[in-house]
Amino acid sequence: MLIGLLYYRPVSAYFHTRAVVAQRAAEVEHLRAQRDSLRAGFERVSQELTLAREARQLSLVRPGERLYVVTGVQRWRNAHPGTR
C-alpha cells in the first residue's frame, strides 16, 4: 500500500504531462496548417498584384475603368523644383 501511495504522484504527473504534450502537438499541427494556408493565399494574392501591376505598365485597364494619359510631368517638375 505504501509503495502504491509513493508511486501515485509520479504516475499521475506522467499521465498529465503526456496529455498536455498531445494537446500541444495537436495545436502545433493546427498552426502549421494555418500557416500553410496563409502562405498559399499570400502567394496567390501577390501573383495577382504582380499581374495587375504589369498590366498597368502596359496601359491595360479593367472593364469599366478609364485610361488617363498624363503628359508633361517632367516639364512640370522642372518648373516646380521644390514639390514632389
N, C-alpha and C. Protein backbone atom coordinates (compact mmCIF):
# COMPACT_ATOMS: atom_id res chain seq x y z
N MET A 1 0.83 -1.19 0.00
CA MET A 1 0.00 0.00 0.00
C MET A 1 0.88 1.26 0.00
N LEU A 2 1.94 1.24 0.79
CA LEU A 2 2.85 2.37 0.88
C LEU A 2 3.53 2.62 -0.47
N ILE A 3 3.91 1.54 -1.14
CA ILE A 3 4.56 1.67 -2.45
C ILE A 3 3.58 2.27 -3.45
N GLY A 4 2.32 1.88 -3.41
CA GLY A 4 1.29 2.44 -4.29
C GLY A 4 1.12 3.93 -4.05
N LEU A 5 1.12 4.35 -2.80
CA LEU A 5 0.99 5.78 -2.49
C LEU A 5 2.21 6.57 -2.94
N LEU A 6 3.39 5.98 -2.85
CA LEU A 6 4.60 6.66 -3.28
C LEU A 6 4.65 6.83 -4.81
N TYR A 7 4.07 5.90 -5.53
CA TYR A 7 4.07 5.97 -6.99
C TYR A 7 2.92 6.79 -7.56
N TYR A 8 1.96 7.15 -6.74
CA TYR A 8 0.76 7.84 -7.24
C TYR A 8 1.11 9.17 -7.90
N ARG A 9 1.85 10.03 -7.23
CA ARG A 9 2.18 11.36 -7.79
C ARG A 9 3.02 11.28 -9.07
N PRO A 10 4.08 10.55 -9.10
CA PRO A 10 4.85 10.49 -10.35
C PRO A 10 4.03 9.93 -11.52
N VAL A 11 3.21 8.92 -11.25
CA VAL A 11 2.41 8.33 -12.32
C VAL A 11 1.35 9.31 -12.79
N SER A 12 0.69 10.00 -11.86
CA SER A 12 -0.33 10.97 -12.27
C SER A 12 0.32 12.15 -13.01
N ALA A 13 1.51 12.59 -12.57
CA ALA A 13 2.22 13.66 -13.27
C ALA A 13 2.60 13.21 -14.68
N TYR A 14 3.01 11.96 -14.82
CA TYR A 14 3.37 11.43 -16.14
C TYR A 14 2.18 11.46 -17.08
N PHE A 15 1.02 10.99 -16.63
CA PHE A 15 -0.16 10.96 -17.49
C PHE A 15 -0.65 12.37 -17.81
N HIS A 16 -0.55 13.26 -16.84
CA HIS A 16 -0.94 14.65 -17.09
C HIS A 16 -0.02 15.28 -18.14
N THR A 17 1.27 15.07 -18.00
CA THR A 17 2.25 15.62 -18.93
C THR A 17 2.05 15.04 -20.32
N ARG A 18 1.77 13.76 -20.39
CA ARG A 18 1.53 13.12 -21.67
C ARG A 18 0.30 13.71 -22.37
N ALA A 19 -0.74 14.01 -21.60
CA ALA A 19 -1.95 14.62 -22.17
C ALA A 19 -1.65 16.04 -22.67
N VAL A 20 -0.87 16.78 -21.90
CA VAL A 20 -0.51 18.15 -22.30
C VAL A 20 0.33 18.12 -23.57
N VAL A 21 1.26 17.20 -23.66
CA VAL A 21 2.11 17.09 -24.86
C VAL A 21 1.25 16.76 -26.08
N ALA A 22 0.30 15.86 -25.94
CA ALA A 22 -0.58 15.51 -27.06
C ALA A 22 -1.41 16.72 -27.48
N GLN A 23 -1.88 17.49 -26.50
CA GLN A 23 -2.66 18.68 -26.81
C GLN A 23 -1.80 19.71 -27.54
N ARG A 24 -0.58 19.91 -27.09
CA ARG A 24 0.33 20.87 -27.73
C ARG A 24 0.70 20.41 -29.14
N ALA A 25 0.87 19.12 -29.32
CA ALA A 25 1.19 18.61 -30.65
C ALA A 25 0.04 18.86 -31.62
N ALA A 26 -1.19 18.68 -31.15
CA ALA A 26 -2.35 18.96 -31.99
C ALA A 26 -2.43 20.44 -32.32
N GLU A 27 -2.10 21.28 -31.35
CA GLU A 27 -2.10 22.72 -31.58
C GLU A 27 -1.03 23.12 -32.60
N VAL A 28 0.13 22.51 -32.52
CA VAL A 28 1.21 22.79 -33.47
C VAL A 28 0.79 22.38 -34.88
N GLU A 29 0.16 21.24 -35.02
CA GLU A 29 -0.30 20.79 -36.33
C GLU A 29 -1.34 21.75 -36.90
N HIS A 30 -2.24 22.20 -36.04
CA HIS A 30 -3.26 23.16 -36.48
C HIS A 30 -2.60 24.46 -36.94
N LEU A 31 -1.63 24.96 -36.19
CA LEU A 31 -0.94 26.19 -36.55
C LEU A 31 -0.12 26.02 -37.83
N ARG A 32 0.48 24.87 -38.03
CA ARG A 32 1.21 24.62 -39.28
C ARG A 32 0.28 24.64 -40.48
N ALA A 33 -0.90 24.01 -40.32
CA ALA A 33 -1.87 24.01 -41.41
C ALA A 33 -2.35 25.43 -41.69
N GLN A 34 -2.56 26.21 -40.64
CA GLN A 34 -2.98 27.59 -40.82
C GLN A 34 -1.89 28.40 -41.52
N ARG A 35 -0.63 28.20 -41.13
CA ARG A 35 0.49 28.88 -41.76
C ARG A 35 0.57 28.55 -43.24
N ASP A 36 0.43 27.27 -43.57
CA ASP A 36 0.50 26.86 -44.98
C ASP A 36 -0.64 27.48 -45.78
N SER A 37 -1.82 27.55 -45.18
CA SER A 37 -2.96 28.17 -45.86
C SER A 37 -2.71 29.65 -46.09
N LEU A 38 -2.17 30.33 -45.10
CA LEU A 38 -1.88 31.76 -45.25
C LEU A 38 -0.79 32.00 -46.29
N ARG A 39 0.21 31.15 -46.31
CA ARG A 39 1.27 31.29 -47.32
C ARG A 39 0.72 31.11 -48.73
N ALA A 40 -0.14 30.12 -48.90
CA ALA A 40 -0.73 29.89 -50.22
C ALA A 40 -1.59 31.08 -50.63
N GLY A 41 -2.35 31.62 -49.70
CA GLY A 41 -3.16 32.79 -50.00
C GLY A 41 -2.31 34.00 -50.34
N PHE A 42 -1.21 34.17 -49.62
CA PHE A 42 -0.30 35.29 -49.90
C PHE A 42 0.32 35.15 -51.28
N GLU A 43 0.74 33.95 -51.62
CA GLU A 43 1.34 33.74 -52.95
C GLU A 43 0.33 34.03 -54.04
N ARG A 44 -0.92 33.62 -53.84
CA ARG A 44 -1.96 33.86 -54.84
C ARG A 44 -2.21 35.35 -55.00
N VAL A 45 -2.33 36.07 -53.88
CA VAL A 45 -2.59 37.50 -53.94
C VAL A 45 -1.41 38.25 -54.52
N SER A 46 -0.19 37.86 -54.14
CA SER A 46 0.98 38.57 -54.66
C SER A 46 1.11 38.34 -56.16
N GLN A 47 0.73 37.17 -56.64
CA GLN A 47 0.77 36.92 -58.08
C GLN A 47 -0.26 37.79 -58.79
N GLU A 48 -1.46 37.93 -58.19
CA GLU A 48 -2.49 38.76 -58.79
C GLU A 48 -2.06 40.23 -58.81
N LEU A 49 -1.44 40.70 -57.72
CA LEU A 49 -0.98 42.08 -57.68
C LEU A 49 0.13 42.31 -58.69
N THR A 50 1.02 41.36 -58.82
CA THR A 50 2.10 41.48 -59.80
C THR A 50 1.53 41.53 -61.21
N LEU A 51 0.57 40.69 -61.49
CA LEU A 51 -0.07 40.67 -62.80
C LEU A 51 -0.77 42.00 -63.06
N ALA A 52 -1.47 42.53 -62.07
CA ALA A 52 -2.16 43.81 -62.23
C ALA A 52 -1.16 44.94 -62.45
N ARG A 53 -0.06 44.94 -61.71
CA ARG A 53 0.96 45.97 -61.87
C ARG A 53 1.56 45.93 -63.27
N GLU A 54 1.86 44.74 -63.76
CA GLU A 54 2.42 44.61 -65.10
C GLU A 54 1.42 45.03 -66.16
N ALA A 55 0.15 44.73 -65.95
CA ALA A 55 -0.88 45.14 -66.90
C ALA A 55 -0.99 46.66 -66.93
N ARG A 56 -0.88 47.31 -65.77
CA ARG A 56 -0.93 48.78 -65.72
C ARG A 56 0.25 49.38 -66.48
N GLN A 57 1.40 48.77 -66.37
CA GLN A 57 2.58 49.28 -67.09
C GLN A 57 2.41 49.15 -68.60
N LEU A 58 1.58 48.21 -69.02
CA LEU A 58 1.29 48.04 -70.44
C LEU A 58 0.08 48.87 -70.87
N SER A 59 -0.41 49.73 -69.98
CA SER A 59 -1.56 50.60 -70.22
C SER A 59 -2.84 49.82 -70.43
N LEU A 60 -2.96 48.68 -69.80
CA LEU A 60 -4.20 47.91 -69.86
C LEU A 60 -5.09 48.33 -68.69
N VAL A 61 -6.38 48.33 -68.93
CA VAL A 61 -7.33 48.72 -67.88
C VAL A 61 -8.38 47.63 -67.72
N ARG A 62 -9.01 47.64 -66.57
CA ARG A 62 -10.09 46.67 -66.32
C ARG A 62 -11.37 47.17 -66.99
N PRO A 63 -12.30 46.27 -67.26
CA PRO A 63 -13.58 46.71 -67.83
C PRO A 63 -14.26 47.72 -66.90
N GLY A 64 -14.73 48.81 -67.49
CA GLY A 64 -15.41 49.84 -66.71
C GLY A 64 -14.49 50.95 -66.23
N GLU A 65 -13.19 50.77 -66.35
CA GLU A 65 -12.25 51.81 -65.95
C GLU A 65 -11.91 52.69 -67.15
N ARG A 66 -11.42 53.90 -66.85
CA ARG A 66 -10.99 54.80 -67.92
C ARG A 66 -9.48 54.97 -67.82
N LEU A 67 -8.86 55.06 -68.94
CA LEU A 67 -7.43 55.26 -69.01
C LEU A 67 -7.16 56.75 -69.21
N TYR A 68 -6.36 57.31 -68.33
CA TYR A 68 -5.93 58.70 -68.46
C TYR A 68 -4.42 58.70 -68.70
N VAL A 69 -4.00 59.43 -69.70
CA VAL A 69 -2.59 59.56 -70.00
C VAL A 69 -2.17 60.96 -69.60
N VAL A 70 -1.24 61.05 -68.66
CA VAL A 70 -0.76 62.34 -68.17
C VAL A 70 0.56 62.63 -68.84
N THR A 71 0.63 63.77 -69.50
CA THR A 71 1.86 64.15 -70.19
C THR A 71 2.41 65.42 -69.56
N GLY A 72 3.66 65.69 -69.81
CA GLY A 72 4.28 66.90 -69.33
C GLY A 72 4.67 66.87 -67.86
N VAL A 73 4.82 65.71 -67.28
CA VAL A 73 5.16 65.60 -65.87
C VAL A 73 6.57 66.12 -65.62
N GLN A 74 7.50 65.75 -66.46
CA GLN A 74 8.88 66.19 -66.27
C GLN A 74 8.99 67.71 -66.44
N ARG A 75 8.25 68.26 -67.37
CA ARG A 75 8.26 69.70 -67.57
C ARG A 75 7.70 70.42 -66.33
N TRP A 76 6.65 69.88 -65.74
CA TRP A 76 6.05 70.45 -64.53
C TRP A 76 7.05 70.35 -63.37
N ARG A 77 7.73 69.21 -63.24
CA ARG A 77 8.71 69.04 -62.15
C ARG A 77 9.85 70.04 -62.31
N ASN A 78 10.27 70.29 -63.54
CA ASN A 78 11.34 71.26 -63.76
C ASN A 78 10.89 72.67 -63.40
N ALA A 79 9.60 72.97 -63.62
CA ALA A 79 9.07 74.30 -63.30
C ALA A 79 8.84 74.47 -61.81
N HIS A 80 8.61 73.38 -61.08
CA HIS A 80 8.35 73.44 -59.63
C HIS A 80 9.33 72.53 -58.92
N PRO A 81 10.56 72.95 -58.73
CA PRO A 81 11.61 72.06 -58.20
C PRO A 81 11.43 71.68 -56.74
N GLY A 82 10.73 72.48 -55.93
CA GLY A 82 10.61 72.17 -54.50
C GLY A 82 9.50 71.22 -54.15
N THR A 83 8.64 70.85 -55.07
CA THR A 83 7.47 70.00 -54.77
C THR A 83 7.66 68.63 -55.39
N ARG A 84 7.34 67.62 -54.60
CA ARG A 84 7.39 66.24 -55.10
C ARG A 84 6.35 65.43 -54.42
